[in-house]
């Protein structure tokens, strides 16, 4: 190798190292953004559980999976007959097989809340929204069926999924944003709810119930959990960083 070529190589090597540094940092930031068992154990464990139930629906006997879904559904009929079972198990299933989509959704909404406030608080926010939105939407259906305003068939439809819990955490995070970011996040959340409704069959009762459930969950997170989490977050700033621990807001 000539002396001139060696000199050029030595000059180029630091530039290559300078480019490698930002790439490594960007990759680390991306990996840290994803749910993992160390920083977001609830989000990570829940996604693993949903992956298991999704695979069960994909490969298990159809008669078995149909029976499991019927037992887990929080439709009015099933909620009246087995309220605890349906409320607890309806959030263990995904309405479709798009598990990877929910990884992105949970990384955007659930994981950030857990990283900031801890796993226990994330569990409470998520499942309180799931239960409340289910009851807010299905109890009126029960009443209308009992009053013979709606037919009995209105109480029999497959109502499963994690969207109520997701929208509750999303609503809480919207409140924690500040200024223009809060308005943009609120507009994005409301638009997402509208898109889900329009992309389904808007004329059916189950689509209307789901729309109301999404709206109730998002605004429950926004108006109830958001202010409480903001106060809890403000209280923690007064404690030295090394001594901060998640505090209960319930």
C-alpha atoms as a PDB file:
ATOM      1  CA  UNK A   1       0.000   0.000   0.000  1.00  0.00           C
ATOM      2  CA  UNK A   2       1.377   3.427  -0.917  1.00  0.00           C
ATOM      3  CA  UNK A   3       1.912   6.074   1.705  1.00  0.00           C
ATOM      4  CA  UNK A   4      -0.747   8.302   0.157  1.00  0.00           C
ATOM      5  CA  UNK A   5      -3.354   5.505   0.181  1.00  0.00           C
ATOM      6  CA  UNK A   6      -2.534   4.626   3.778  1.00  0.00           C
ATOM      7  CA  UNK A   7      -2.969   8.246   4.797  1.00  0.00           C
ATOM      8  CA  UNK A   8      -6.394   8.408   3.107  1.00  0.00           C
ATOM      9  CA  UNK A   9      -7.469   5.194   4.843  1.00  0.00           C
ATOM     10  CA  UNK A  10      -6.449   6.532   8.238  1.00  0.00           C
ATOM     11  CA  UNK A  11      -8.423   9.710   7.612  1.00  0.00           C
ATOM     12  CA  UNK A  12     -11.533   7.788   6.522  1.00  0.00           C
ATOM     13  CA  UNK A  13     -11.550   5.395   9.495  1.00  0.00           C
ATOM     14  CA  UNK A  14     -12.620   7.991  12.124  1.00  0.00           C
ATOM     15  CA  UNK A  15     -15.491   9.049   9.835  1.00  0.00           C
ATOM     16  CA  UNK A  16     -16.734   5.461   9.621  1.00  0.00           C
ATOM     17  CA  UNK A  17     -16.572   5.170  13.394  1.00  0.00           C
ATOM     18  CA  UNK A  18     -18.476   8.458  13.749  1.00  0.00           C
ATOM     19  CA  UNK A  19     -21.267   7.071  11.528  1.00  0.00           C
ATOM     20  CA  UNK A  20     -21.394   3.778  13.425  1.00  0.00           C
ATOM     21  CA  UNK A  21     -21.975   5.536  16.751  1.00  0.00           C
ATOM     22  CA  UNK A  22     -25.320   7.197  15.830  1.00  0.00           C
ATOM     23  CA  UNK A  23     -26.512   3.977  14.180  1.00  0.00           C
ATOM     24  CA  UNK A  24     -25.824   2.002  17.353  1.00  0.00           C
ATOM     25  CA  UNK A  25     -27.509   4.653  19.498  1.00  0.00           C
ATOM     26  CA  UNK A  26     -30.585   4.719  17.224  1.00  0.00           C
ATOM     27  CA  UNK A  27     -30.837   0.918  17.386  1.00  0.00           C
ATOM     28  CA  UNK A  28     -30.591   0.951  21.201  1.00  0.00           C
ATOM     29  CA  UNK A  29     -33.313   3.599  21.413  1.00  0.00           C
ATOM     30  CA  UNK A  30     -35.557   1.542  19.119  1.00  0.00           C
ATOM     31  CA  UNK A  31     -35.036  -1.609  21.190  1.00  0.00           C
ATOM     32  CA  UNK A  32     -35.715   0.283  24.432  1.00  0.00           C
ATOM     33  CA  UNK A  33     -38.948   1.594  22.912  1.00  0.00           C
ATOM     34  CA  UNK A  34     -40.289  -1.949  22.492  1.00  0.00           C
ATOM     35  CA  UNK A  35     -41.946  -3.735  25.463  1.00  0.00           C
ATOM     36  CA  UNK A  36     -39.499  -5.960  27.326  1.00  0.00           C
ATOM     37  CA  UNK A  37     -39.648  -8.047  30.525  1.00  0.00           C
ATOM     38  CA  UNK A  38     -37.299  -5.750  32.450  1.00  0.00           C
ATOM     39  CA  UNK A  39     -38.795  -2.273  32.042  1.00  0.00           C
ATOM     40  CA  UNK A  40     -42.378  -3.155  31.046  1.00  0.00           C
ATOM     41  CA  UNK A  41     -43.161  -6.598  32.506  1.00  0.00           C
ATOM     42  CA  UNK A  42     -46.952  -6.161  32.340  1.00  0.00           C
ATOM     43  CA  UNK A  43     -46.999  -5.042  28.704  1.00  0.00           C
ATOM     44  CA  UNK A  44     -44.497  -7.696  27.641  1.00  0.00           C
ATOM     45  CA  UNK A  45     -46.204 -10.504  29.568  1.00  0.00           C
ATOM     46  CA  UNK A  46     -49.642  -9.501  28.308  1.00  0.00           C
ATOM     47  CA  UNK A  47     -48.440  -9.518  24.695  1.00  0.00           C
ATOM     48  CA  UNK A  48     -46.943 -12.981  25.217  1.00  0.00           C
ATOM     49  CA  UNK A  49     -50.278 -14.162  26.620  1.00  0.00           C
ATOM     50  CA  UNK A  50     -52.151 -12.677  23.653  1.00  0.00           C
ATOM     51  CA  UNK A  51     -49.718 -14.398  21.305  1.00  0.00           C
ATOM     52  CA  UNK A  52     -50.515 -17.702  23.009  1.00  0.00           C
ATOM     53  CA  UNK A  53     -54.283 -17.268  22.700  1.00  0.00           C
ATOM     54  CA  UNK A  54     -53.909 -16.091  19.094  1.00  0.00           C
ATOM     55  CA  UNK A  55     -51.948 -19.232  18.235  1.00  0.00           C
ATOM     56  CA  UNK A  56     -54.581 -21.284  20.055  1.00  0.00           C
ATOM     57  CA  UNK A  57     -57.308 -19.789  17.872  1.00  0.00           C
ATOM     58  CA  UNK A  58     -55.198 -20.438  14.798  1.00  0.00           C
ATOM     59  CA  UNK A  59     -54.268 -24.067  15.375  1.00  0.00           C
ATOM     60  CA  UNK A  60     -56.686 -25.582  17.926  1.00  0.00           C
ATOM     61  CA  UNK A  61     -59.892 -27.429  17.102  1.00  0.00           C
ATOM     62  CA  UNK A  62     -62.554 -24.993  15.899  1.00  0.00           C
ATOM     63  CA  UNK A  63     -65.283 -26.376  18.158  1.00  0.00           C
ATOM     64  CA  UNK A  64     -63.016 -25.858  21.188  1.00  0.00           C
ATOM     65  CA  UNK A  65     -62.067 -22.297  20.282  1.00  0.00           C
ATOM     66  CA  UNK A  66     -65.677 -21.363  19.504  1.00  0.00           C
ATOM     67  CA  UNK A  67     -66.724 -22.616  22.928  1.00  0.00           C
ATOM     68  CA  UNK A  68     -63.939 -20.675  24.646  1.00  0.00           C
ATOM     69  CA  UNK A  69     -64.883 -17.481  22.831  1.00  0.00           C
ATOM     70  CA  UNK A  70     -68.558 -17.917  23.684  1.00  0.00           C
ATOM     71  CA  UNK A  71     -67.694 -18.302  27.367  1.00  0.00           C
ATOM     72  CA  UNK A  72     -65.429 -15.233  27.253  1.00  0.00           C
ATOM     73  CA  UNK A  73     -67.703 -12.894  25.325  1.00  0.00           C
ATOM     74  CA  UNK A  74     -69.115  -9.932  27.240  1.00  0.00           C
ATOM     75  CA  UNK A  75     -72.299  -9.683  25.204  1.00  0.00           C
ATOM     76  CA  UNK A  76     -75.409  -8.901  27.249  1.00  0.00           C
ATOM     77  CA  UNK A  77     -76.598 -12.503  27.453  1.00  0.00           C
ATOM     78  CA  UNK A  78     -73.258 -13.924  28.578  1.00  0.00           C
ATOM     79  CA  UNK A  79     -72.522 -11.014  30.914  1.00  0.00           C
ATOM     80  CA  UNK A  80     -75.845 -11.666  32.696  1.00  0.00           C
ATOM     81  CA  UNK A  81     -75.186 -15.394  33.101  1.00  0.00           C
ATOM     82  CA  UNK A  82     -71.458 -15.356  33.998  1.00  0.00           C
ATOM     83  CA  UNK A  83     -70.357 -11.756  34.683  1.00  0.00           C
ATOM     84  CA  UNK A  84     -67.000 -12.401  36.388  1.00  0.00           C
ATOM     85  CA  UNK A  85     -65.870 -15.066  33.948  1.00  0.00           C
ATOM     86  CA  UNK A  86     -66.668 -13.001  30.880  1.00  0.00           C
ATOM     87  CA  UNK A  87     -65.183  -9.781  32.274  1.00  0.00           C
ATOM     88  CA  UNK A  88     -61.934 -11.499  33.242  1.00  0.00           C
ATOM     89  CA  UNK A  89     -61.463 -13.616  30.132  1.00  0.00           C
ATOM     90  CA  UNK A  90     -62.787 -11.362  27.359  1.00  0.00           C
ATOM     91  CA  UNK A  91     -59.513  -9.398  27.415  1.00  0.00           C
ATOM     92  CA  UNK A  92     -57.465 -12.552  26.768  1.00  0.00           C
ATOM     93  CA  UNK A  93     -58.417 -12.755  23.090  1.00  0.00           C
ATOM     94  CA  UNK A  94     -57.916 -10.692  19.982  1.00  0.00           C
ATOM     95  CA  UNK A  95     -60.809 -10.252  17.589  1.00  0.00           C
ATOM     96  CA  UNK A  96     -58.476 -10.995  14.653  1.00  0.00           C
ATOM     97  CA  UNK A  97     -55.058 -12.505  14.112  1.00  0.00           C
ATOM     98  CA  UNK A  98     -53.186  -9.206  13.772  1.00  0.00           C
ATOM     99  CA  UNK A  99     -51.011  -9.763  16.834  1.00  0.00           C
ATOM    100  CA  UNK A 100     -48.119  -7.719  15.435  1.00  0.00           C
ATOM    101  CA  UNK A 101     -50.425  -4.738  15.072  1.00  0.00           C
ATOM    102  CA  UNK A 102     -51.160  -4.924  18.783  1.00  0.00           C
ATOM    103  CA  UNK A 103     -47.433  -5.001  19.543  1.00  0.00           C
ATOM    104  CA  UNK A 104     -47.202  -1.576  17.899  1.00  0.00           C
ATOM    105  CA  UNK A 105     -50.359  -0.341  19.634  1.00  0.00           C
ATOM    106  CA  UNK A 106     -49.163  -1.476  23.065  1.00  0.00           C
ATOM    107  CA  UNK A 107     -45.715   0.011  22.430  1.00  0.00           C
ATOM    108  CA  UNK A 108     -47.341   3.372  21.708  1.00  0.00           C
ATOM    109  CA  UNK A 109     -49.851   3.535  24.567  1.00  0.00           C
ATOM    110  CA  UNK A 110     -49.483   0.892  27.263  1.00  0.00           C
ATOM    111  CA  UNK A 111     -45.695   0.541  27.535  1.00  0.00           C
ATOM    112  CA  UNK A 112     -45.004   4.306  27.997  1.00  0.00           C
ATOM    113  CA  UNK A 113     -47.519   4.498  30.826  1.00  0.00           C
ATOM    114  CA  UNK A 114     -45.974   1.450  32.509  1.00  0.00           C
ATOM    115  CA  UNK A 115     -42.434   2.815  32.160  1.00  0.00           C
ATOM    116  CA  UNK A 116     -43.479   6.058  33.805  1.00  0.00           C
ATOM    117  CA  UNK A 117     -45.804   4.816  36.546  1.00  0.00           C
ATOM    118  CA  UNK A 118     -44.998   1.153  37.107  1.00  0.00           C
ATOM    119  CA  UNK A 119     -46.590  -2.172  36.259  1.00  0.00           C
ATOM    120  CA  UNK A 120     -49.192  -2.199  39.054  1.00  0.00           C
ATOM    121  CA  UNK A 121     -50.588   1.154  38.050  1.00  0.00           C
ATOM    122  CA  UNK A 122     -50.654   0.194  34.373  1.00  0.00           C
ATOM    123  CA  UNK A 123     -52.651  -2.931  35.250  1.00  0.00           C
ATOM    124  CA  UNK A 124     -55.185  -0.902  37.253  1.00  0.00           C
ATOM    125  CA  UNK A 125     -55.652   1.717  34.529  1.00  0.00           C
ATOM    126  CA  UNK A 126     -55.921  -0.844  31.733  1.00  0.00           C
ATOM    127  CA  UNK A 127     -58.378  -3.257  33.331  1.00  0.00           C
ATOM    128  CA  UNK A 128     -60.492  -0.613  35.063  1.00  0.00           C
ATOM    129  CA  UNK A 129     -61.144   0.855  31.624  1.00  0.00           C
ATOM    130  CA  UNK A 130     -61.908  -2.574  30.203  1.00  0.00           C
ATOM    131  CA  UNK A 131     -64.472  -3.324  32.913  1.00  0.00           C
ATOM    132  CA  UNK A 132     -66.062   0.131  33.011  1.00  0.00           C
ATOM    133  CA  UNK A 133     -66.500   0.472  29.230  1.00  0.00           C
ATOM    134  CA  UNK A 134     -67.967  -3.035  29.054  1.00  0.00           C
ATOM    135  CA  UNK A 135     -70.535  -2.316  31.745  1.00  0.00           C
ATOM    136  CA  UNK A 136     -71.383   1.142  30.379  1.00  0.00           C
ATOM    137  CA  UNK A 137     -72.234  -0.317  26.981  1.00  0.00           C
ATOM    138  CA  UNK A 138     -73.747  -3.695  27.826  1.00  0.00           C
ATOM    139  CA  UNK A 139     -75.935  -2.817  30.827  1.00  0.00           C
ATOM    140  CA  UNK A 140     -78.156  -0.526  28.713  1.00  0.00           C
ATOM    141  CA  UNK A 141     -78.466  -3.331  26.137  1.00  0.00           C
ATOM    142  CA  UNK A 142     -79.587  -5.654  28.941  1.00  0.00           C
ATOM    143  CA  UNK A 143     -82.179  -3.103  30.036  1.00  0.00           C
ATOM    144  CA  UNK A 144     -83.500  -2.579  26.520  1.00  0.00           C
ATOM    145  CA  UNK A 145     -83.806  -6.321  25.975  1.00  0.00           C
ATOM    146  CA  UNK A 146     -85.676  -6.704  29.281  1.00  0.00           C
ATOM    147  CA  UNK A 147     -88.018  -3.875  28.248  1.00  0.00           C
ATOM    148  CA  UNK A 148     -88.595  -5.637  24.889  1.00  0.00           C
ATOM    149  CA  UNK A 149     -87.232  -2.659  22.991  1.00  0.00           C
ATOM    150  CA  UNK A 150     -84.467  -4.830  21.525  1.00  0.00           C
ATOM    151  CA  UNK A 151     -84.875  -8.455  20.469  1.00  0.00           C
ATOM    152  CA  UNK A 152     -83.151 -11.235  22.429  1.00  0.00           C
ATOM    153  CA  UNK A 153     -80.752 -11.695  19.512  1.00  0.00           C
ATOM    154  CA  UNK A 154     -79.219  -8.305  20.385  1.00  0.00           C
ATOM    155  CA  UNK A 155     -77.687  -9.936  23.457  1.00  0.00           C
ATOM    156  CA  UNK A 156     -75.866 -12.610  21.468  1.00  0.00           C
ATOM    157  CA  UNK A 157     -72.785 -11.374  19.653  1.00  0.00           C
ATOM    158  CA  UNK A 158     -69.070 -11.968  20.069  1.00  0.00           C
ATOM    159  CA  UNK A 159     -67.624  -9.215  22.263  1.00  0.00           C
ATOM    160  CA  UNK A 160     -63.938  -9.846  23.003  1.00  0.00           C
ATOM    161  CA  UNK A 161     -60.690  -7.908  22.722  1.00  0.00           C
ATOM    162  CA  UNK A 162     -58.352  -5.467  24.435  1.00  0.00           C
ATOM    163  CA  UNK A 163     -59.378  -2.214  22.778  1.00  0.00           C
ATOM    164  CA  UNK A 164     -61.204  -0.796  25.813  1.00  0.00           C
ATOM    165  CA  UNK A 165     -58.103  -1.160  27.980  1.00  0.00           C
ATOM    166  CA  UNK A 166     -55.913   0.277  25.257  1.00  0.00           C
ATOM    167  CA  UNK A 167     -58.092   3.361  24.763  1.00  0.00           C
ATOM    168  CA  UNK A 168     -58.163   3.962  28.524  1.00  0.00           C
ATOM    169  CA  UNK A 169     -54.368   4.078  28.718  1.00  0.00           C
ATOM    170  CA  UNK A 170     -54.266   6.169  25.548  1.00  0.00           C
ATOM    171  CA  UNK A 171     -56.699   8.675  27.059  1.00  0.00           C
ATOM    172  CA  UNK A 172     -54.607   8.939  30.224  1.00  0.00           C
ATOM    173  CA  UNK A 173     -51.470   9.582  28.172  1.00  0.00           C
ATOM    174  CA  UNK A 174     -53.287  12.247  26.144  1.00  0.00           C
ATOM    175  CA  UNK A 175     -53.997  14.165  29.356  1.00  0.00           C
ATOM    176  CA  UNK A 176     -50.341  13.925  30.364  1.00  0.00           C
ATOM    177  CA  UNK A 177     -49.310  15.704  27.145  1.00  0.00           C
ATOM    178  CA  UNK A 178     -48.968  19.475  27.282  1.00  0.00           C
ATOM    179  CA  UNK A 179     -50.105  22.344  25.107  1.00  0.00           C
ATOM    180  CA  UNK A 180     -50.532  21.704  21.403  1.00  0.00           C
ATOM    181  CA  UNK A 181     -49.297  18.129  21.764  1.00  0.00           C
ATOM    182  CA  UNK A 182     -52.348  17.326  23.908  1.00  0.00           C
ATOM    183  CA  UNK A 183     -54.738  18.706  21.284  1.00  0.00           C
ATOM    184  CA  UNK A 184     -53.023  16.756  18.510  1.00  0.00           C
ATOM    185  CA  UNK A 185     -53.022  13.551  20.561  1.00  0.00           C
ATOM    186  CA  UNK A 186     -56.704  14.009  21.448  1.00  0.00           C
ATOM    187  CA  UNK A 187     -57.597  14.622  17.799  1.00  0.00           C
ATOM    188  CA  UNK A 188     -55.637  11.518  16.748  1.00  0.00           C
ATOM    189  CA  UNK A 189     -57.402   9.384  19.368  1.00  0.00           C
ATOM    190  CA  UNK A 190     -60.863  10.598  18.381  1.00  0.00           C
ATOM    191  CA  UNK A 191     -60.037  10.080  14.694  1.00  0.00           C
ATOM    192  CA  UNK A 192     -58.818   6.546  15.412  1.00  0.00           C
ATOM    193  CA  UNK A 193     -62.105   5.733  17.166  1.00  0.00           C
ATOM    194  CA  UNK A 194     -64.072   7.136  14.217  1.00  0.00           C
ATOM    195  CA  UNK A 195     -61.998   5.194  11.673  1.00  0.00           C
ATOM    196  CA  UNK A 196     -62.601   1.928  13.530  1.00  0.00           C
ATOM    197  CA  UNK A 197     -66.335   2.599  13.546  1.00  0.00           C
ATOM    198  CA  UNK A 198     -66.553   3.581   9.864  1.00  0.00           C
ATOM    199  CA  UNK A 199     -64.354   0.686   8.727  1.00  0.00           C
ATOM    200  CA  UNK A 200     -66.768  -1.750  10.399  1.00  0.00           C
ATOM    201  CA  UNK A 201     -70.479  -1.987   9.532  1.00  0.00           C
ATOM    202  CA  UNK A 202     -71.764   1.265  11.098  1.00  0.00           C
ATOM    203  CA  UNK A 203     -75.417   0.238  10.889  1.00  0.00           C
ATOM    204  CA  UNK A 204     -75.184  -2.803  13.175  1.00  0.00           C
ATOM    205  CA  UNK A 205     -75.847  -2.739  16.903  1.00  0.00           C
ATOM    206  CA  UNK A 206     -72.508  -4.309  17.812  1.00  0.00           C
ATOM    207  CA  UNK A 207     -70.644  -1.573  15.885  1.00  0.00           C
ATOM    208  CA  UNK A 208     -72.555   1.135  17.743  1.00  0.00           C
ATOM    209  CA  UNK A 209     -71.897  -0.578  21.098  1.00  0.00           C
ATOM    210  CA  UNK A 210     -68.191  -0.873  20.268  1.00  0.00           C
ATOM    211  CA  UNK A 211     -68.045   2.798  19.249  1.00  0.00           C
ATOM    212  CA  UNK A 212     -69.620   3.861  22.544  1.00  0.00           C
ATOM    213  CA  UNK A 213     -67.268   1.545  24.430  1.00  0.00           C
ATOM    214  CA  UNK A 214     -64.186   3.010  22.754  1.00  0.00           C
ATOM    215  CA  UNK A 215     -65.376   6.550  23.443  1.00  0.00           C
ATOM    216  CA  UNK A 216     -66.223   5.754  27.082  1.00  0.00           C
ATOM    217  CA  UNK A 217     -62.844   4.081  27.651  1.00  0.00           C
ATOM    218  CA  UNK A 218     -60.827   6.897  26.068  1.00  0.00           C
ATOM    219  CA  UNK A 219     -62.637   9.642  27.988  1.00  0.00           C
ATOM    220  CA  UNK A 220     -62.487   7.648  31.227  1.00  0.00           C
ATOM    221  CA  UNK A 221     -58.711   7.540  30.848  1.00  0.00           C
ATOM    222  CA  UNK A 222     -58.604  11.202  29.862  1.00  0.00           C
ATOM    223  CA  UNK A 223     -60.866  12.670  32.544  1.00  0.00           C
ATOM    224  CA  UNK A 224     -60.463  10.239  35.445  1.00  0.00           C
ATOM    225  CA  UNK A 225     -57.002   8.678  35.264  1.00  0.00           C
ATOM    226  CA  UNK A 226     -55.209  11.537  33.530  1.00  0.00           C
ATOM    227  CA  UNK A 227     -55.528  14.078  36.383  1.00  0.00           C
ATOM    228  CA  UNK A 228     -54.662  11.458  39.020  1.00  0.00           C
ATOM    229  CA  UNK A 229     -51.566  10.345  37.176  1.00  0.00           C
ATOM    230  CA  UNK A 230     -50.532  13.971  36.640  1.00  0.00           C
ATOM    231  CA  UNK A 231     -50.760  14.633  40.393  1.00  0.00           C
ATOM    232  CA  UNK A 232     -48.845  11.444  41.160  1.00  0.00           C
ATOM    233  CA  UNK A 233     -46.165  12.402  38.654  1.00  0.00           C
ATOM    234  CA  UNK A 234     -45.875  15.901  40.109  1.00  0.00           C
ATOM    235  CA  UNK A 235     -45.493  14.480  43.613  1.00  0.00           C
ATOM    236  CA  UNK A 236     -42.639  12.236  42.557  1.00  0.00           C
ATOM    237  CA  UNK A 237     -40.611  15.168  41.204  1.00  0.00           C
ATOM    238  CA  UNK A 238     -40.158  16.402  44.777  1.00  0.00           C
ATOM    239  CA  UNK A 239     -38.349  13.192  45.753  1.00  0.00           C
ATOM    240  CA  UNK A 240     -34.666  12.684  44.860  1.00  0.00           C
ATOM    241  CA  UNK A 241     -34.470  10.601  41.631  1.00  0.00           C
ATOM    242  CA  UNK A 242     -32.699   7.693  43.280  1.00  0.00           C
ATOM    243  CA  UNK A 243     -35.469   7.356  45.867  1.00  0.00           C
ATOM    244  CA  UNK A 244     -38.514   7.566  43.569  1.00  0.00           C
ATOM    245  CA  UNK A 245     -40.881   4.638  43.647  1.00  0.00           C
ATOM    246  CA  UNK A 246     -44.262   4.062  42.019  1.00  0.00           C
ATOM    247  CA  UNK A 247     -47.046   5.332  44.264  1.00  0.00           C
ATOM    248  CA  UNK A 248     -50.638   4.207  44.399  1.00  0.00           C
ATOM    249  CA  UNK A 249     -53.329   6.492  43.044  1.00  0.00           C
ATOM    250  CA  UNK A 250     -56.235   4.223  43.946  1.00  0.00           C
END
